[in-house]
Amino acid sequence: MNKPKVIIIVGSTRPGRIGRAVADWFYAQTMSQADLEFELVDLADWNLPFLDEPVPPKASMYQHDHTKRWSAKIASAAGYILVTPEYNHGYPAALKNALDFLYHEWANKPVGFVSYGWGGGQMAVAQLTQVVTELRMRPLAKHTTIFIQPDMFDERHQLLDPATTLARYANNAQELVRALTVASQKEPLHEAIV
């Protein structure tokens, strides 16, 4: 029997970002989870252009190959973890764009957040919660909120050994994985097609 798949989406594409290191660390926290399969998807690898579909996503009439590939990837998951920084009290444009490309593929699936920033990325999560709710996703109450401190970085502004630097958040990450496990096993709601 195939295990439900959860996609961990790295939401920042900025050169020099720490988002990939944070996502890799979180992914390592999922290794002991036997009930779910986790996959890391880095938006920097997808190079999605700004939304360029001529028909709104609700119609599912995709014209471009990049959209069709993105649709297939997102539709393959039973749930999601969005890894996001907080930029100027919001979340990255690349993540908003990736969310806006699709509609039905996200619906009725649980979503959790791993946020990071000087304030823990909490304002980014507040904004994202509004967006994912509109996309009919089921945001989890549990989040992993990482408060960035100056002593966490090397001279290139990269995280010092993420396994050690982020160890204080490991229990919180495990709680998020458990919450996602429970939520992903719930039968999704199906809407009537009219």
Protein backbone atom coordinates (compact mmCIF):
# COMPACT_ATOMS: atom_id res chain seq x y z
CA MET A 1 0.00 0.00 0.00
CA ASN A 2 1.38 3.42 -0.97
CA LYS A 3 1.87 5.90 1.82
CA PRO A 4 0.31 9.36 1.45
CA LYS A 5 2.88 11.82 0.09
CA VAL A 6 3.55 15.20 1.65
CA ILE A 7 5.41 17.80 -0.38
CA ILE A 8 7.69 20.19 1.50
CA ILE A 9 7.85 23.36 -0.60
CA VAL A 10 10.85 25.68 -0.25
CA GLY A 11 9.16 29.06 -0.69
CA SER A 12 12.13 31.39 -1.19
CA THR A 13 14.14 31.56 -4.40
CA ARG A 14 16.46 34.39 -3.30
CA PRO A 15 20.17 33.75 -3.94
CA GLY A 16 21.90 33.24 -0.60
CA ARG A 17 18.66 32.25 1.12
CA ILE A 18 18.67 29.96 4.14
CA GLY A 19 15.32 28.45 3.17
CA ARG A 20 16.83 25.37 1.58
CA ALA A 21 18.91 24.65 4.71
CA VAL A 22 15.79 25.06 6.87
CA ALA A 23 13.79 22.78 4.54
CA ASP A 24 16.56 20.16 4.50
CA TRP A 25 16.63 20.25 8.31
CA PHE A 26 12.85 19.84 8.50
CA TYR A 27 12.97 17.01 5.96
CA ALA A 28 15.48 15.23 8.22
CA GLN A 29 12.94 15.52 11.05
CA THR A 30 10.48 13.45 8.98
CA MET A 31 12.76 10.42 8.61
CA SER A 32 11.26 8.63 11.61
CA GLN A 33 7.72 9.06 10.25
CA ALA A 34 6.52 5.69 8.99
CA ASP A 35 3.01 6.68 7.91
CA LEU A 36 3.86 9.33 5.33
CA GLU A 37 6.28 9.78 2.45
CA PHE A 38 7.92 13.22 2.24
CA GLU A 39 9.32 14.91 -0.86
CA LEU A 40 11.25 18.17 -1.01
CA VAL A 41 10.28 20.58 -3.80
CA ASP A 42 12.41 23.70 -4.21
CA LEU A 43 10.73 26.53 -6.13
CA ALA A 44 14.20 27.67 -7.25
CA ASP A 45 14.40 24.47 -9.32
CA TRP A 46 11.04 25.04 -11.01
CA ASN A 47 11.63 28.49 -12.50
CA LEU A 48 7.91 29.19 -12.76
CA PRO A 49 7.33 32.44 -14.63
CA PHE A 50 4.91 34.94 -13.17
CA LEU A 51 1.44 33.53 -13.71
CA ASP A 52 1.08 33.38 -17.49
CA GLU A 53 -1.97 31.19 -18.04
CA PRO A 54 -4.65 32.92 -20.14
CA VAL A 55 -7.53 31.12 -18.38
CA PRO A 56 -8.05 31.31 -14.58
CA PRO A 57 -6.78 28.22 -12.70
CA LYS A 58 -10.29 27.27 -11.53
CA ALA A 59 -11.01 26.16 -15.11
CA SER A 60 -8.03 23.73 -15.16
CA MET A 61 -7.45 24.59 -18.83
CA TYR A 62 -3.67 24.84 -18.66
CA GLN A 63 -1.90 25.95 -21.84
CA HIS A 64 1.76 25.81 -20.77
CA ASP A 65 3.92 22.76 -20.11
CA HIS A 66 5.39 24.31 -16.94
CA THR A 67 1.88 24.63 -15.52
CA LYS A 68 0.95 21.08 -16.47
CA ARG A 69 4.11 19.76 -14.78
CA TRP A 70 3.46 21.89 -11.68
CA SER A 71 -0.15 20.68 -11.60
CA ALA A 72 0.90 17.02 -11.75
CA LYS A 73 3.48 17.50 -8.98
CA ILE A 74 1.08 19.28 -6.62
CA ALA A 75 -1.85 16.94 -7.39
CA SER A 76 0.33 13.95 -6.42
CA ALA A 77 0.43 15.02 -2.76
CA ALA A 78 -1.94 14.36 0.12
CA GLY A 79 -0.66 17.40 2.03
CA TYR A 80 1.95 20.13 2.12
CA ILE A 81 4.49 21.89 4.29
CA LEU A 82 5.30 25.44 3.19
CA VAL A 83 8.75 26.60 4.29
CA THR A 84 8.75 30.38 4.23
CA PRO A 85 10.79 33.33 5.39
CA GLU A 86 9.21 36.59 6.39
CA TYR A 87 10.21 39.40 4.05
CA ASN A 88 8.97 42.84 5.14
CA HIS A 89 6.12 41.32 7.16
CA GLY A 90 5.03 39.11 4.27
CA TYR A 91 6.04 35.98 2.39
CA PRO A 92 7.96 35.69 -0.90
CA ALA A 93 6.37 36.54 -4.24
CA ALA A 94 7.67 33.25 -5.68
CA LEU A 95 5.56 31.31 -3.17
CA LYS A 96 2.43 33.37 -3.88
CA ASN A 97 2.96 32.84 -7.60
CA ALA A 98 3.37 29.06 -7.17
CA LEU A 99 0.16 28.91 -5.14
CA ASP A 100 -1.79 31.06 -7.63
CA PHE A 101 -0.87 28.90 -10.64
CA LEU A 102 -3.29 26.18 -9.48
CA TYR A 103 -6.60 25.82 -7.70
CA HIS A 104 -8.23 22.38 -7.56
CA GLU A 105 -4.93 20.58 -6.97
CA TRP A 106 -4.60 22.21 -3.51
CA ALA A 107 -8.17 21.67 -2.38
CA ASN A 108 -9.13 19.78 0.77
CA LYS A 109 -5.55 18.90 1.67
CA PRO A 110 -3.82 19.75 4.96
CA VAL A 111 -1.02 22.30 4.98
CA GLY A 112 1.49 23.15 7.67
CA PHE A 113 4.03 25.93 7.92
CA VAL A 114 7.71 26.13 8.79
CA SER A 115 8.47 29.82 9.06
CA TYR A 116 11.64 31.67 9.91
CA GLY A 117 12.75 35.25 10.45
CA TRP A 118 13.72 37.72 13.15
CA GLY A 119 10.12 37.52 14.37
CA GLY A 120 9.77 33.83 13.56
CA GLY A 121 7.97 34.48 10.28
CA GLN A 122 4.64 34.71 12.05
CA MET A 123 3.28 37.54 9.91
CA ALA A 124 4.12 35.55 6.76
CA VAL A 125 2.15 32.60 8.16
CA ALA A 126 -0.81 34.86 9.01
CA GLN A 127 -0.96 36.05 5.40
CA LEU A 128 -0.41 32.57 3.98
CA THR A 129 -3.23 31.21 6.12
CA GLN A 130 -5.65 33.57 4.38
CA VAL A 131 -4.42 32.49 0.95
CA VAL A 132 -4.44 28.73 1.58
CA THR A 133 -7.90 28.98 3.13
CA GLU A 134 -9.15 30.65 -0.05
CA LEU A 135 -7.56 27.78 -2.00
CA ARG A 136 -9.66 25.44 0.21
CA MET A 137 -6.67 23.88 1.91
CA ARG A 138 -6.86 22.87 5.58
CA PRO A 139 -4.24 24.85 7.54
CA LEU A 140 -2.98 23.06 10.64
CA ALA A 141 -2.98 24.73 14.04
CA LYS A 142 0.60 23.53 14.68
CA HIS A 143 3.49 25.42 13.07
CA THR A 144 7.25 25.34 13.34
CA THR A 145 8.30 28.92 14.04
CA ILE A 146 12.04 29.57 13.90
CA PHE A 147 13.32 32.78 15.47
CA ILE A 148 16.51 33.81 13.71
CA GLN A 149 19.34 35.13 15.91
CA PRO A 150 22.63 36.74 14.80
CA ASP A 151 24.71 33.94 16.38
CA MET A 152 23.07 31.37 14.06
CA PHE A 153 25.06 32.58 11.01
CA ASP A 154 28.55 32.34 9.62
CA GLU A 155 30.37 35.21 7.87
CA ARG A 156 28.54 34.44 4.58
CA HIS A 157 25.18 34.75 6.36
CA GLN A 158 24.52 31.01 6.07
CA LEU A 159 23.19 28.92 8.93
CA LEU A 160 25.87 27.38 11.10
CA ASP A 161 25.37 23.59 11.13
CA PRO A 162 21.55 23.55 10.86
CA ALA A 163 21.27 20.24 12.77
CA THR A 164 22.80 21.94 15.81
CA THR A 165 21.53 25.49 15.26
CA LEU A 166 17.92 24.37 14.79
CA ALA A 167 17.96 21.53 17.33
CA ARG A 168 15.91 23.61 19.78
CA TYR A 169 13.01 23.43 17.27
CA ALA A 170 13.11 19.64 16.77
CA ASN A 171 10.24 18.88 19.16
CA ASN A 172 8.12 21.53 17.50
CA ALA A 173 8.90 20.03 14.08
CA GLN A 174 7.92 16.56 15.32
CA GLU A 175 4.60 17.94 16.61
CA LEU A 176 3.94 19.43 13.18
CA VAL A 177 4.74 16.11 11.48
CA ARG A 178 2.37 14.28 13.87
CA ALA A 179 -0.41 16.80 13.24
CA LEU A 180 0.09 16.44 9.49
CA THR A 181 0.02 12.66 9.79
CA VAL A 182 -3.36 12.75 11.51
CA ALA A 183 -4.76 15.36 9.11
CA SER A 184 -3.57 13.56 5.97
CA GLN A 185 -5.32 10.36 7.02
CA LYS A 186 -8.68 12.07 7.23
CA GLU A 187 -10.89 11.49 4.23
CA PRO A 188 -10.79 14.61 2.03
CA LEU A 189 -14.01 16.43 1.40
CA HIS A 190 -15.18 16.22 -2.20
CA GLU A 191 -17.23 18.97 -3.69
CA ALA A 192 -20.05 18.37 -6.07
CA ILE A 193 -19.33 19.20 -9.69
CA VAL A 194 -22.09 21.34 -11.09
